[in-house]
Amino acid sequence: TAHVVSDGLQAFAQVLQVGATHERHVTGGGRQAARTPQLRWVNTMLGNLKTAQAGTYHSFDHARYAARYLAEFAYRFNRRFDLVAMLPRLLRAAATTKPQPLTILRMSEASR
């Protein structure tokens, strides 16, 4: 069972069909909506994601390195709840990965 708290968006009406309860807080828009106490954690999470993404993607050659930065962001995001284990897992993956040709590591012109 789940209890869903939302801003009243019509898409959340579907949660009732799977047996969850739905608490709607129609907020409208703008700054006042962002200050709704029931939705504060959502706004905090979105703000943190935006900040992390802006820091990661601030300035780089998108055409050449976008796939790498997206993979790095996804790796950190998917392991955000177990930060202590992140470094040992990364070291293990690096140690057990087979060697790769330099052209793949550098993402050569032909692979773009």
PDB file of N, CA and C in Angstrom:
ATOM      1  N   THR A   1       0.849  -1.181   0.000  1.00  0.00           N
ATOM      2  CA  THR A   1       0.000   0.000   0.000  1.00  0.00           C
ATOM      3  C   THR A   1       0.885   1.232   0.000  1.00  0.00           C
ATOM      4  N   ALA A   2       0.437   2.239  -0.670  1.00  0.00           N
ATOM      5  CA  ALA A   2       1.196   3.484  -0.766  1.00  0.00           C
ATOM      6  C   ALA A   2       0.257   4.658  -0.560  1.00  0.00           C
ATOM      7  N   HIS A   3       0.803   5.721  -0.054  1.00  0.00           N
ATOM      8  CA  HIS A   3       0.060   6.964   0.106  1.00  0.00           C
ATOM      9  C   HIS A   3       0.768   8.008  -0.741  1.00  0.00           C
ATOM     10  N   VAL A   4       0.106   8.511  -1.765  1.00  0.00           N
ATOM     11  CA  VAL A   4       0.700   9.452  -2.708  1.00  0.00           C
ATOM     12  C   VAL A   4       0.196  10.851  -2.403  1.00  0.00           C
ATOM     13  N   VAL A   5       1.133  11.775  -2.236  1.00  0.00           N
ATOM     14  CA  VAL A   5       0.806  13.186  -2.042  1.00  0.00           C
ATOM     15  C   VAL A   5       1.223  13.899  -3.318  1.00  0.00           C
ATOM     16  N   SER A   6       0.291  14.599  -3.956  1.00  0.00           N
ATOM     17  CA  SER A   6       0.616  15.246  -5.227  1.00  0.00           C
ATOM     18  C   SER A   6       0.051  16.660  -5.276  1.00  0.00           C
ATOM     19  N   ASP A   7       0.413  17.349  -6.354  1.00  0.00           N
ATOM     20  CA  ASP A   7      -0.055  18.716  -6.558  1.00  0.00           C
ATOM     21  C   ASP A   7      -1.390  18.753  -7.303  1.00  0.00           C
ATOM     22  N   GLY A   8      -2.037  17.625  -7.445  1.00  0.00           N
ATOM     23  CA  GLY A   8      -3.340  17.576  -8.073  1.00  0.00           C
ATOM     24  C   GLY A   8      -3.305  17.365  -9.573  1.00  0.00           C
ATOM     25  N   LEU A   9      -2.132  17.100 -10.125  1.00  0.00           N
ATOM     26  CA  LEU A   9      -2.005  16.846 -11.545  1.00  0.00           C
ATOM     27  C   LEU A   9      -2.860  15.636 -11.923  1.00  0.00           C
ATOM     28  N   GLN A  10      -3.551  15.707 -13.013  1.00  0.00           N
ATOM     29  CA  GLN A  10      -4.489  14.661 -13.426  1.00  0.00           C
ATOM     30  C   GLN A  10      -3.822  13.299 -13.577  1.00  0.00           C
ATOM     31  N   ALA A  11      -2.543  13.271 -13.914  1.00  0.00           N
ATOM     32  CA  ALA A  11      -1.839  12.000 -14.097  1.00  0.00           C
ATOM     33  C   ALA A  11      -1.824  11.170 -12.819  1.00  0.00           C
ATOM     34  N   PHE A  12      -1.899  11.801 -11.660  1.00  0.00           N
ATOM     35  CA  PHE A  12      -1.854  11.064 -10.405  1.00  0.00           C
ATOM     36  C   PHE A  12      -3.177  10.377 -10.071  1.00  0.00           C
ATOM     37  N   ALA A  13      -4.218  10.628 -10.832  1.00  0.00           N
ATOM     38  CA  ALA A  13      -5.492   9.957 -10.597  1.00  0.00           C
ATOM     39  C   ALA A  13      -5.365   8.450 -10.799  1.00  0.00           C
ATOM     40  N   GLN A  14      -4.383   8.016 -11.569  1.00  0.00           N
ATOM     41  CA  GLN A  14      -4.183   6.589 -11.854  1.00  0.00           C
ATOM     42  C   GLN A  14      -3.709   5.805 -10.641  1.00  0.00           C
ATOM     43  N   VAL A  15      -3.155   6.466  -9.626  1.00  0.00           N
ATOM     44  CA  VAL A  15      -2.653   5.731  -8.469  1.00  0.00           C
ATOM     45  C   VAL A  15      -3.779   5.050  -7.704  1.00  0.00           C
ATOM     46  N   LEU A  16      -4.981   5.563  -7.813  1.00  0.00           N
ATOM     47  CA  LEU A  16      -6.122   4.944  -7.138  1.00  0.00           C
ATOM     48  C   LEU A  16      -6.427   3.573  -7.719  1.00  0.00           C
ATOM     49  N   GLN A  17      -6.142   3.380  -8.997  1.00  0.00           N
ATOM     50  CA  GLN A  17      -6.433   2.106  -9.654  1.00  0.00           C
ATOM     51  C   GLN A  17      -5.524   0.974  -9.172  1.00  0.00           C
ATOM     52  N   VAL A  18      -4.385   1.302  -8.594  1.00  0.00           N
ATOM     53  CA  VAL A  18      -3.483   0.267  -8.097  1.00  0.00           C
ATOM     54  C   VAL A  18      -3.602   0.087  -6.593  1.00  0.00           C
ATOM     55  N   GLY A  19      -4.578   0.730  -5.997  1.00  0.00           N
ATOM     56  CA  GLY A  19      -4.850   0.536  -4.586  1.00  0.00           C
ATOM     57  C   GLY A  19      -4.172   1.507  -3.641  1.00  0.00           C
ATOM     58  N   ALA A  20      -3.546   2.524  -4.154  1.00  0.00           N
ATOM     59  CA  ALA A  20      -2.892   3.518  -3.297  1.00  0.00           C
ATOM     60  C   ALA A  20      -3.890   4.596  -2.901  1.00  0.00           C
ATOM     61  N   THR A  21      -3.596   5.286  -1.829  1.00  0.00           N
ATOM     62  CA  THR A  21      -4.405   6.436  -1.458  1.00  0.00           C
ATOM     63  C   THR A  21      -3.770   7.681  -2.058  1.00  0.00           C
ATOM     64  N   HIS A  22      -4.588   8.689  -2.324  1.00  0.00           N
ATOM     65  CA  HIS A  22      -4.100   9.886  -3.004  1.00  0.00           C
ATOM     66  C   HIS A  22      -4.555  11.124  -2.250  1.00  0.00           C
ATOM     67  N   GLU A  23      -3.600  11.912  -1.832  1.00  0.00           N
ATOM     68  CA  GLU A  23      -3.877  13.172  -1.144  1.00  0.00           C
ATOM     69  C   GLU A  23      -3.489  14.313  -2.080  1.00  0.00           C
ATOM     70  N   ARG A  24      -4.467  15.066  -2.537  1.00  0.00           N
ATOM     71  CA  ARG A  24      -4.232  16.150  -3.500  1.00  0.00           C
ATOM     72  C   ARG A  24      -4.075  17.475  -2.778  1.00  0.00           C
ATOM     73  N   HIS A  25      -3.098  18.249  -3.229  1.00  0.00           N
ATOM     74  CA  HIS A  25      -2.907  19.614  -2.745  1.00  0.00           C
ATOM     75  C   HIS A  25      -2.783  20.496  -3.980  1.00  0.00           C
ATOM     76  N   VAL A  26      -3.906  21.046  -4.427  1.00  0.00           N
ATOM     77  CA  VAL A  26      -3.911  21.885  -5.615  1.00  0.00           C
ATOM     78  C   VAL A  26      -3.236  23.200  -5.254  1.00  0.00           C
ATOM     79  N   THR A  27      -2.138  23.491  -5.955  1.00  0.00           N
ATOM     80  CA  THR A  27      -1.305  24.628  -5.582  1.00  0.00           C
ATOM     81  C   THR A  27      -1.338  25.775  -6.562  1.00  0.00           C
ATOM     82  N   GLY A  28      -1.769  25.538  -7.781  1.00  0.00           N
ATOM     83  CA  GLY A  28      -1.676  26.596  -8.784  1.00  0.00           C
ATOM     84  C   GLY A  28      -0.288  26.590  -9.374  1.00  0.00           C
ATOM     85  N   GLY A  29       0.389  27.698  -9.306  1.00  0.00           N
ATOM     86  CA  GLY A  29       1.744  27.774  -9.855  1.00  0.00           C
ATOM     87  C   GLY A  29       2.539  28.866  -9.182  1.00  0.00           C
ATOM     88  N   GLY A  30       3.758  29.037  -9.637  1.00  0.00           N
ATOM     89  CA  GLY A  30       4.609  30.096  -9.124  1.00  0.00           C
ATOM     90  C   GLY A  30       5.273  29.773  -7.800  1.00  0.00           C
ATOM     91  N   ARG A  31       5.806  30.819  -7.155  1.00  0.00           N
ATOM     92  CA  ARG A  31       6.550  30.653  -5.895  1.00  0.00           C
ATOM     93  C   ARG A  31       5.671  30.123  -4.764  1.00  0.00           C
ATOM     94  N   GLN A  32       4.438  30.544  -4.716  1.00  0.00           N
ATOM     95  CA  GLN A  32       3.550  30.101  -3.643  1.00  0.00           C
ATOM     96  C   GLN A  32       3.361  28.588  -3.696  1.00  0.00           C
ATOM     97  N   ALA A  33       3.265  28.031  -4.880  1.00  0.00           N
ATOM     98  CA  ALA A  33       3.113  26.581  -5.027  1.00  0.00           C
ATOM     99  C   ALA A  33       4.361  25.855  -4.522  1.00  0.00           C
ATOM    100  N   ALA A  34       5.531  26.427  -4.762  1.00  0.00           N
ATOM    101  CA  ALA A  34       6.777  25.795  -4.324  1.00  0.00           C
ATOM    102  C   ALA A  34       6.918  25.805  -2.810  1.00  0.00           C
ATOM    103  N   ARG A  35       6.209  26.668  -2.126  1.00  0.00           N
ATOM    104  CA  ARG A  35       6.299  26.771  -0.670  1.00  0.00           C
ATOM    105  C   ARG A  35       5.282  25.903   0.060  1.00  0.00           C
ATOM    106  N   THR A  36       4.505  25.117  -0.655  1.00  0.00           N
ATOM    107  CA  THR A  36       3.519  24.248  -0.031  1.00  0.00           C
ATOM    108  C   THR A  36       4.237  23.232   0.862  1.00  0.00           C
ATOM    109  N   PRO A  37       3.938  23.216   2.171  1.00  0.00           N
ATOM    110  CA  PRO A  37       4.662  22.327   3.089  1.00  0.00           C
ATOM    111  C   PRO A  37       4.580  20.850   2.706  1.00  0.00           C
ATOM    112  N   GLN A  38       3.452  20.401   2.200  1.00  0.00           N
ATOM    113  CA  GLN A  38       3.282  18.987   1.866  1.00  0.00           C
ATOM    114  C   GLN A  38       4.178  18.562   0.704  1.00  0.00           C
ATOM    115  N   LEU A  39       4.599  19.503  -0.120  1.00  0.00           N
ATOM    116  CA  LEU A  39       5.395  19.172  -1.299  1.00  0.00           C
ATOM    117  C   LEU A  39       6.844  19.657  -1.172  1.00  0.00           C
ATOM    118  N   ARG A  40       7.250  20.046   0.006  1.00  0.00           N
ATOM    119  CA  ARG A  40       8.589  20.610   0.202  1.00  0.00           C
ATOM    120  C   ARG A  40       9.688  19.633  -0.205  1.00  0.00           C
ATOM    121  N   TRP A  41       9.549  18.352   0.164  1.00  0.00           N
ATOM    122  CA  TRP A  41      10.594  17.378  -0.164  1.00  0.00           C
ATOM    123  C   TRP A  41      10.734  17.192  -1.663  1.00  0.00           C
ATOM    124  N   VAL A  42       9.619  17.302  -2.401  1.00  0.00           N
ATOM    125  CA  VAL A  42       9.679  17.178  -3.861  1.00  0.00           C
ATOM    126  C   VAL A  42      10.479  18.336  -4.439  1.00  0.00           C
ATOM    127  N   ASN A  43      10.193  19.528  -3.970  1.00  0.00           N
ATOM    128  CA  ASN A  43      10.909  20.699  -4.464  1.00  0.00           C
ATOM    129  C   ASN A  43      12.385  20.647  -4.079  1.00  0.00           C
ATOM    130  N   THR A  44      12.686  20.125  -2.901  1.00  0.00           N
ATOM    131  CA  THR A  44      14.081  19.973  -2.474  1.00  0.00           C
ATOM    132  C   THR A  44      14.804  18.990  -3.381  1.00  0.00           C
ATOM    133  N   MET A  45      14.166  17.839  -3.671  1.00  0.00           N
ATOM    134  CA  MET A  45      14.780  16.840  -4.528  1.00  0.00           C
ATOM    135  C   MET A  45      15.012  17.395  -5.935  1.00  0.00           C
ATOM    136  N   LEU A  46      14.028  18.075  -6.493  1.00  0.00           N
ATOM    137  CA  LEU A  46      14.187  18.642  -7.830  1.00  0.00           C
ATOM    138  C   LEU A  46      15.290  19.690  -7.856  1.00  0.00           C
ATOM    139  N   GLY A  47      15.374  20.498  -6.795  1.00  0.00           N
ATOM    140  CA  GLY A  47      16.437  21.491  -6.703  1.00  0.00           C
ATOM    141  C   GLY A  47      17.808  20.849  -6.633  1.00  0.00           C
ATOM    142  N   ASN A  48      17.925  19.773  -5.857  1.00  0.00           N
ATOM    143  CA  ASN A  48      19.203  19.066  -5.757  1.00  0.00           C
ATOM    144  C   ASN A  48      19.603  18.432  -7.080  1.00  0.00           C
ATOM    145  N   LEU A  49      18.641  17.842  -7.776  1.00  0.00           N
ATOM    146  CA  LEU A  49      18.939  17.254  -9.085  1.00  0.00           C
ATOM    147  C   LEU A  49      19.381  18.321 -10.080  1.00  0.00           C
ATOM    148  N   LYS A  50      18.696  19.457 -10.058  1.00  0.00           N
ATOM    149  CA  LYS A  50      19.045  20.548 -10.968  1.00  0.00           C
ATOM    150  C   LYS A  50      20.454  21.060 -10.678  1.00  0.00           C
ATOM    151  N   THR A  51      20.789  21.209  -9.404  1.00  0.00           N
ATOM    152  CA  THR A  51      22.120  21.683  -9.025  1.00  0.00           C
ATOM    153  C   THR A  51      23.193  20.679  -9.429  1.00  0.00           C
ATOM    154  N   ALA A  52      22.943  19.395  -9.182  1.00  0.00           N
ATOM    155  CA  ALA A  52      23.911  18.358  -9.554  1.00  0.00           C
ATOM    156  C   ALA A  52      24.109  18.315 -11.062  1.00  0.00           C
ATOM    157  N   GLN A  53      23.029  18.432 -11.788  1.00  0.00           N
ATOM    158  CA  GLN A  53      23.122  18.389 -13.240  1.00  0.00           C
ATOM    159  C   GLN A  53      23.836  19.625 -13.777  1.00  0.00           C
ATOM    160  N   ALA A  54      23.528  20.787 -13.235  1.00  0.00           N
ATOM    161  CA  ALA A  54      24.172  22.019 -13.692  1.00  0.00           C
ATOM    162  C   ALA A  54      25.667  21.980 -13.417  1.00  0.00           C
ATOM    163  N   GLY A  55      26.061  21.438 -12.264  1.00  0.00           N
ATOM    164  CA  GLY A  55      27.477  21.335 -11.947  1.00  0.00           C
ATOM    165  C   GLY A  55      28.193  20.350 -12.840  1.00  0.00           C
ATOM    166  N   THR A  56      27.549  19.249 -13.148  1.00  0.00           N
ATOM    167  CA  THR A  56      28.154  18.215 -13.973  1.00  0.00           C
ATOM    168  C   THR A  56      28.269  18.652 -15.425  1.00  0.00           C
ATOM    169  N   TYR A  57      27.242  19.309 -15.916  1.00  0.00           N
ATOM    170  CA  TYR A  57      27.181  19.649 -17.341  1.00  0.00           C
ATOM    171  C   TYR A  57      27.487  21.114 -17.617  1.00  0.00           C
ATOM    172  N   HIS A  58      28.197  21.767 -16.715  1.00  0.00           N
ATOM    173  CA  HIS A  58      28.412  23.207 -16.839  1.00  0.00           C
ATOM    174  C   HIS A  58      29.068  23.591 -18.162  1.00  0.00           C
ATOM    175  N   SER A  59      30.184  22.981 -18.439  1.00  0.00           N
ATOM    176  CA  SER A  59      30.909  23.401 -19.640  1.00  0.00           C
ATOM    177  C   SER A  59      31.708  22.234 -20.203  1.00  0.00           C
ATOM    178  N   PHE A  60      31.202  21.642 -21.259  1.00  0.00           N
ATOM    179  CA  PHE A  60      31.946  20.584 -21.938  1.00  0.00           C
ATOM    180  C   PHE A  60      31.439  20.463 -23.359  1.00  0.00           C
ATOM    181  N   ASP A  61      32.173  19.757 -24.174  1.00  0.00           N
ATOM    182  CA  ASP A  61      31.824  19.531 -25.570  1.00  0.00           C
ATOM    183  C   ASP A  61      30.709  18.485 -25.623  1.00  0.00           C
ATOM    184  N   HIS A  62      29.461  18.949 -25.732  1.00  0.00           N
ATOM    185  CA  HIS A  62      28.303  18.050 -25.666  1.00  0.00           C
ATOM    186  C   HIS A  62      28.354  16.949 -26.726  1.00  0.00           C
ATOM    187  N   ALA A  63      28.724  17.311 -27.923  1.00  0.00           N
ATOM    188  CA  ALA A  63      28.724  16.321 -29.000  1.00  0.00           C
ATOM    189  C   ALA A  63      29.704  15.189 -28.723  1.00  0.00           C
ATOM    190  N   ARG A  64      30.783  15.504 -28.057  1.00  0.00           N
ATOM    191  CA  ARG A  64      31.822  14.499 -27.852  1.00  0.00           C
ATOM    192  C   ARG A  64      31.674  13.732 -26.541  1.00  0.00           C
ATOM    193  N   TYR A  65      31.243  14.402 -25.461  1.00  0.00           N
ATOM    194  CA  TYR A  65      31.283  13.781 -24.142  1.00  0.00           C
ATOM    195  C   TYR A  65      29.926  13.585 -23.463  1.00  0.00           C
ATOM    196  N   ALA A  66      28.837  13.870 -24.127  1.00  0.00           N
ATOM    197  CA  ALA A  66      27.516  13.786 -23.494  1.00  0.00           C
ATOM    198  C   ALA A  66      27.218  12.390 -22.948  1.00  0.00           C
ATOM    199  N   ALA A  67      27.536  11.362 -23.688  1.00  0.00           N
ATOM    200  CA  ALA A  67      27.248   9.990 -23.240  1.00  0.00           C
ATOM    201  C   ALA A  67      28.007   9.663 -21.963  1.00  0.00           C
ATOM    202  N   ARG A  68      29.251  10.111 -21.866  1.00  0.00           N
ATOM    203  CA  ARG A  68      30.046   9.840 -20.663  1.00  0.00           C
ATOM    204  C   ARG A  68      29.484  10.577 -19.451  1.00  0.00           C
ATOM    205  N   TYR A  69      29.136  11.845 -19.625  1.00  0.00           N
ATOM    206  CA  TYR A  69      28.607  12.605 -18.500  1.00  0.00           C
ATOM    207  C   TYR A  69      27.255  12.063 -18.053  1.00  0.00           C
ATOM    208  N   LEU A  70      26.433  11.645 -19.004  1.00  0.00           N
ATOM    209  CA  LEU A  70      25.146  11.055 -18.646  1.00  0.00           C
ATOM    210  C   LEU A  70      25.345   9.745 -17.885  1.00  0.00           C
ATOM    211  N   ALA A  71      26.283   8.930 -18.314  1.00  0.00           N
ATOM    212  CA  ALA A  71      26.569   7.671 -17.622  1.00  0.00           C
ATOM    213  C   ALA A  71      27.072   7.933 -16.202  1.00  0.00           C
ATOM    214  N   GLU A  72      27.919   8.941 -16.039  1.00  0.00           N
ATOM    215  CA  GLU A  72      28.441   9.278 -14.714  1.00  0.00           C
ATOM    216  C   GLU A  72      27.333   9.785 -13.805  1.00  0.00           C
ATOM    217  N   PHE A  73      26.461  10.615 -14.344  1.00  0.00           N
ATOM    218  CA  PHE A  73      25.334  11.133 -13.565  1.00  0.00           C
ATOM    219  C   PHE A  73      24.401   9.996 -13.150  1.00  0.00           C
ATOM    220  N   ALA A  74      24.105   9.092 -14.080  1.00  0.00           N
ATOM    221  CA  ALA A  74      23.223   7.959 -13.788  1.00  0.00           C
ATOM    222  C   ALA A  74      23.849   7.048 -12.735  1.00  0.00           C
ATOM    223  N   TYR A  75      25.159   6.828 -12.816  1.00  0.00           N
ATOM    224  CA  TYR A  75      25.848   5.986 -11.834  1.00  0.00           C
ATOM    225  C   TYR A  75      25.695   6.578 -10.433  1.00  0.00           C
ATOM    226  N   ARG A  76      25.977   7.879 -10.290  1.00  0.00           N
ATOM    227  CA  ARG A  76      25.870   8.519  -8.974  1.00  0.00           C
ATOM    228  C   ARG A  76      24.425   8.550  -8.492  1.00  0.00           C
ATOM    229  N   PHE A  77      23.481   8.850  -9.393  1.00  0.00           N
ATOM    230  CA  PHE A  77      22.074   8.945  -9.005  1.00  0.00           C
ATOM    231  C   PHE A  77      21.540   7.592  -8.541  1.00  0.00           C
ATOM    232  N   ASN A  78      21.884   6.531  -9.243  1.00  0.00           N
ATOM    233  CA  ASN A  78      21.382   5.193  -8.905  1.00  0.00           C
ATOM    234  C   ASN A  78      21.979   4.642  -7.617  1.00  0.00           C
ATOM    235  N   ARG A  79      23.085   5.210  -7.153  1.00  0.00           N
ATOM    236  CA  ARG A  79      23.733   4.722  -5.940  1.00  0.00           C
ATOM    237  C   ARG A  79      23.712   5.752  -4.819  1.00  0.00           C
ATOM    238  N   ARG A  80      22.840   6.725  -4.899  1.00  0.00           N
ATOM    239  CA  ARG A  80      22.814   7.837  -3.946  1.00  0.00           C
ATOM    240  C   ARG A  80      22.415   7.423  -2.537  1.00  0.00           C
ATOM    241  N   PHE A  81      21.756   6.289  -2.352  1.00  0.00           N
ATOM    242  CA  PHE A  81      21.317   5.882  -1.024  1.00  0.00           C
ATOM    243  C   PHE A  81      22.368   5.053  -0.280  1.00  0.00           C
ATOM    244  N   ASP A  82      23.429   4.658  -0.957  1.00  0.00           N
ATOM    245  CA  ASP A  82      24.482   3.873  -0.324  1.00  0.00           C
ATOM    246  C   ASP A  82      25.833   4.479  -0.692  1.00  0.00           C
ATOM    247  N   LEU A  83      26.075   5.703  -0.224  1.00  0.00           N
ATOM    248  CA  LEU A  83      27.280   6.434  -0.587  1.00  0.00           C
ATOM    249  C   LEU A  83      28.552   5.764  -0.085  1.00  0.00           C
ATOM    250  N   VAL A  84      28.485   5.076   1.058  1.00  0.00           N
ATOM    251  CA  VAL A  84      29.662   4.416   1.616  1.00  0.00           C
ATOM    252  C   VAL A  84      30.167   3.324   0.674  1.00  0.00           C
ATOM    253  N   ALA A  85      29.259   2.623   0.015  1.00  0.00           N
ATOM    254  CA  ALA A  85      29.641   1.515  -0.865  1.00  0.00           C
ATOM    255  C   ALA A  85      29.996   1.978  -2.273  1.00  0.00           C
ATOM    256  N   MET A  86      29.783   3.256  -2.602  1.00  0.00           N
ATOM    257  CA  MET A  86      29.980   3.708  -3.976  1.00  0.00           C
ATOM    258  C   MET A  86      31.434   3.564  -4.433  1.00  0.00           C
ATOM    259  N   LEU A  87      32.379   4.031  -3.652  1.00  0.00           N
ATOM    260  CA  LEU A  87      33.783   3.963  -4.062  1.00  0.00           C
ATOM    261  C   LEU A  87      34.293   2.530  -4.170  1.00  0.00           C
ATOM    262  N   PRO A  88      34.053   1.657  -3.182  1.00  0.00           N
ATOM    263  CA  PRO A  88      34.502   0.263  -3.351  1.00  0.00           C
ATOM    264  C   PRO A  88      33.881  -0.420  -4.578  1.00  0.00           C
ATOM    265  N   ARG A  89      32.618  -0.130  -4.865  1.00  0.00           N
ATOM    266  CA  ARG A  89      31.986  -0.730  -6.054  1.00  0.00           C
ATOM    267  C   ARG A  89      32.628  -0.215  -7.329  1.00  0.00           C
ATOM    268  N   LEU A  90      32.942   1.079  -7.355  1.00  0.00           N
ATOM    269  CA  LEU A  90      33.584   1.666  -8.533  1.00  0.00           C
ATOM    270  C   LEU A  90      34.978   1.081  -8.725  1.00  0.00           C
ATOM    271  N   LEU A  91      35.736   0.932  -7.638  1.00  0.00           N
ATOM    272  CA  LEU A  91      37.078   0.339  -7.726  1.00  0.00           C
ATOM    273  C   LEU A  91      37.006  -1.110  -8.200  1.00  0.00           C
ATOM    274  N   ARG A  92      36.018  -1.863  -7.703  1.00  0.00           N
ATOM    275  CA  ARG A  92      35.865  -3.258  -8.132  1.00  0.00           C
ATOM    276  C   ARG A  92      35.521  -3.325  -9.620  1.00  0.00           C
ATOM    277  N   ALA A  93      34.621  -2.450 -10.072  1.00  0.00           N
ATOM    278  CA  ALA A  93      34.256  -2.429 -11.491  1.00  0.00           C
ATOM    279  C   ALA A  93      35.467  -2.075 -12.350  1.00  0.00           C
ATOM    280  N   ALA A  94      36.275  -1.122 -11.882  1.00  0.00           N
ATOM    281  CA  ALA A  94      37.467  -0.736 -12.640  1.00  0.00           C
ATOM    282  C   ALA A  94      38.482  -1.876 -12.687  1.00  0.00           C
ATOM    283  N   ALA A  95      38.610  -2.604 -11.592  1.00  0.00           N
ATOM    284  CA  ALA A  95      39.589  -3.689 -11.530  1.00  0.00           C
ATOM    285  C   ALA A  95      39.161  -4.913 -12.331  1.00  0.00           C
ATOM    286  N   THR A  96      37.870  -5.151 -12.467  1.00  0.00           N
ATOM    287  CA  THR A  96      37.391  -6.354 -13.147  1.00  0.00           C
ATOM    288  C   THR A  96      36.988  -6.126 -14.605  1.00  0.00           C
ATOM    289  N   THR A  97      37.014  -4.885 -15.055  1.00  0.00           N
ATOM    290  CA  THR A  97      36.657  -4.590 -16.444  1.00  0.00           C
ATOM    291  C   THR A  97      37.815  -4.961 -17.363  1.00  0.00           C
ATOM    292  N   LYS A  98      37.486  -5.611 -18.471  1.00  0.00           N
ATOM    293  CA  LYS A  98      38.509  -5.986 -19.435  1.00  0.00           C
ATOM    294  C   LYS A  98      39.102  -4.734 -20.079  1.00  0.00           C
ATOM    295  N   PRO A  99      40.364  -4.797 -20.502  1.00  0.00           N
ATOM    296  CA  PRO A  99      40.984  -3.648 -21.171  1.00  0.00           C
ATOM    297  C   PRO A  99      40.194  -3.247 -22.415  1.00  0.00           C
ATOM    298  N   GLN A 100      40.144  -1.957 -22.677  1.00  0.00           N
ATOM    299  CA  GLN A 100      39.423  -1.427 -23.830  1.00  0.00           C
ATOM    300  C   GLN A 100      40.412  -0.743 -24.774  1.00  0.00           C
ATOM    301  N   PRO A 101      40.175  -0.827 -26.075  1.00  0.00           N
ATOM    302  CA  PRO A 101      41.053  -0.132 -27.028  1.00  0.00           C
ATOM    303  C   PRO A 101      41.006   1.379 -26.783  1.00  0.00           C
ATOM    304  N   LEU A 102      42.104   2.045 -27.075  1.00  0.00           N
ATOM    305  CA  LEU A 102      42.198   3.484 -26.867  1.00  0.00           C
ATOM    306  C   LEU A 102      41.147   4.239 -27.671  1.00  0.00           C
ATOM    307  N   THR A 103      40.794   3.736 -28.850  1.00  0.00           N
ATOM    308  CA  THR A 103      39.789   4.427 -29.668  1.00  0.00           C
ATOM    309  C   THR A 103      38.432   4.472 -28.970  1.00  0.00           C
ATOM    310  N   ILE A 104      38.086   3.424 -28.243  1.00  0.00           N
ATOM    311  CA  ILE A 104      36.824   3.416 -27.497  1.00  0.00           C
ATOM    312  C   ILE A 104      36.914   4.350 -26.299  1.00  0.00           C
ATOM    313  N   LEU A 105      38.055   4.326 -25.616  1.00  0.00           N
ATOM    314  CA  LEU A 105      38.217   5.198 -24.453  1.00  0.00           C
ATOM    315  C   LEU A 105      38.176   6.675 -24.833  1.00  0.00           C
ATOM    316  N   ARG A 106      38.721   6.997 -25.973  1.00  0.00           N
ATOM    317  CA  ARG A 106      38.739   8.396 -26.415  1.00  0.00           C
ATOM    318  C   ARG A 106      37.508   8.776 -27.223  1.00  0.00           C
ATOM    319  N   MET A 107      36.659   7.824 -27.503  1.00  0.00           N
ATOM    320  CA  MET A 107      35.454   8.069 -28.314  1.00  0.00           C
ATOM    321  C   MET A 107      35.838   8.774 -29.617  1.00  0.00           C
ATOM    322  N   SER A 108      36.537   8.054 -30.452  1.00  0.00           N
ATOM    323  CA  SER A 108      37.093   8.610 -31.688  1.00  0.00           C
ATOM    324  C   SER A 108      36.030   9.203 -32.594  1.00  0.00           C
ATOM    325  N   GLU A 109      36.478   9.929 -33.574  1.00  0.00           N
ATOM    326  CA  GLU A 109      35.588  10.590 -34.539  1.00  0.00           C
ATOM    327  C   GLU A 109      34.666   9.576 -35.210  1.00  0.00           C
ATOM    328  N   ALA A 110      35.154   8.383 -35.480  1.00  0.00           N
ATOM    329  CA  ALA A 110      34.344   7.371 -36.163  1.00  0.00           C
ATOM    330  C   ALA A 110      33.197   6.869 -35.291  1.00  0.00           C
ATOM    331  N   SER A 111      33.368   6.903 -33.971  1.00  0.00           N
ATOM    332  CA  SER A 111      32.311   6.364 -33.099  1.00  0.00           C
ATOM    333  C   SER A 111      31.238   7.386 -32.774  1.00  0.00           C
ATOM    334  N   ARG A 112      31.399   8.620 -33.214  1.00  0.00           N
ATOM    335  CA  ARG A 112      30.387   9.638 -32.919  1.00  0.00           C
ATOM    336  C   ARG A 112      29.203   9.521 -33.789  1.00  0.00           C
TER     337      ARG A 112
END
